[in-house]
């Protein structure tokens, strides 16, 4: 915890500083949501195709999913969502001609969440 997943258009790969973004988002998650630094985990999933309305070209997307153990207030979740989007602006410089659709959400992990380390 937290589990962070970032889905992004594959054509953004060269313009997206993913390690820098993850590090900065982990720091923000610790500060805003009182997470422990070693507990922050991020994974990035490139997506090949995106369709926006009737268009299949000229668009790119990034969606940031942040899942936390229950107990954070809606205000904390909203602050973390906004911080994630602001950090994205500083770590992603999309190519000209692409319209970027960026979004983020913070949600509670299901009570069934479990983990182990070995």
Foldseek 3Di string as FASTA:
>chain_A
DWEKEKEKAPLQVVFFPVVVLQVQLLVLCCVLVVDDSVVRDYDYHHDHWDQDVNDTDQEMEMEMEIEAAPDDDPVSFVVSQVSSVVSRVVGGDDDPSHDYHYGYGYYYDDPVDDDDDD
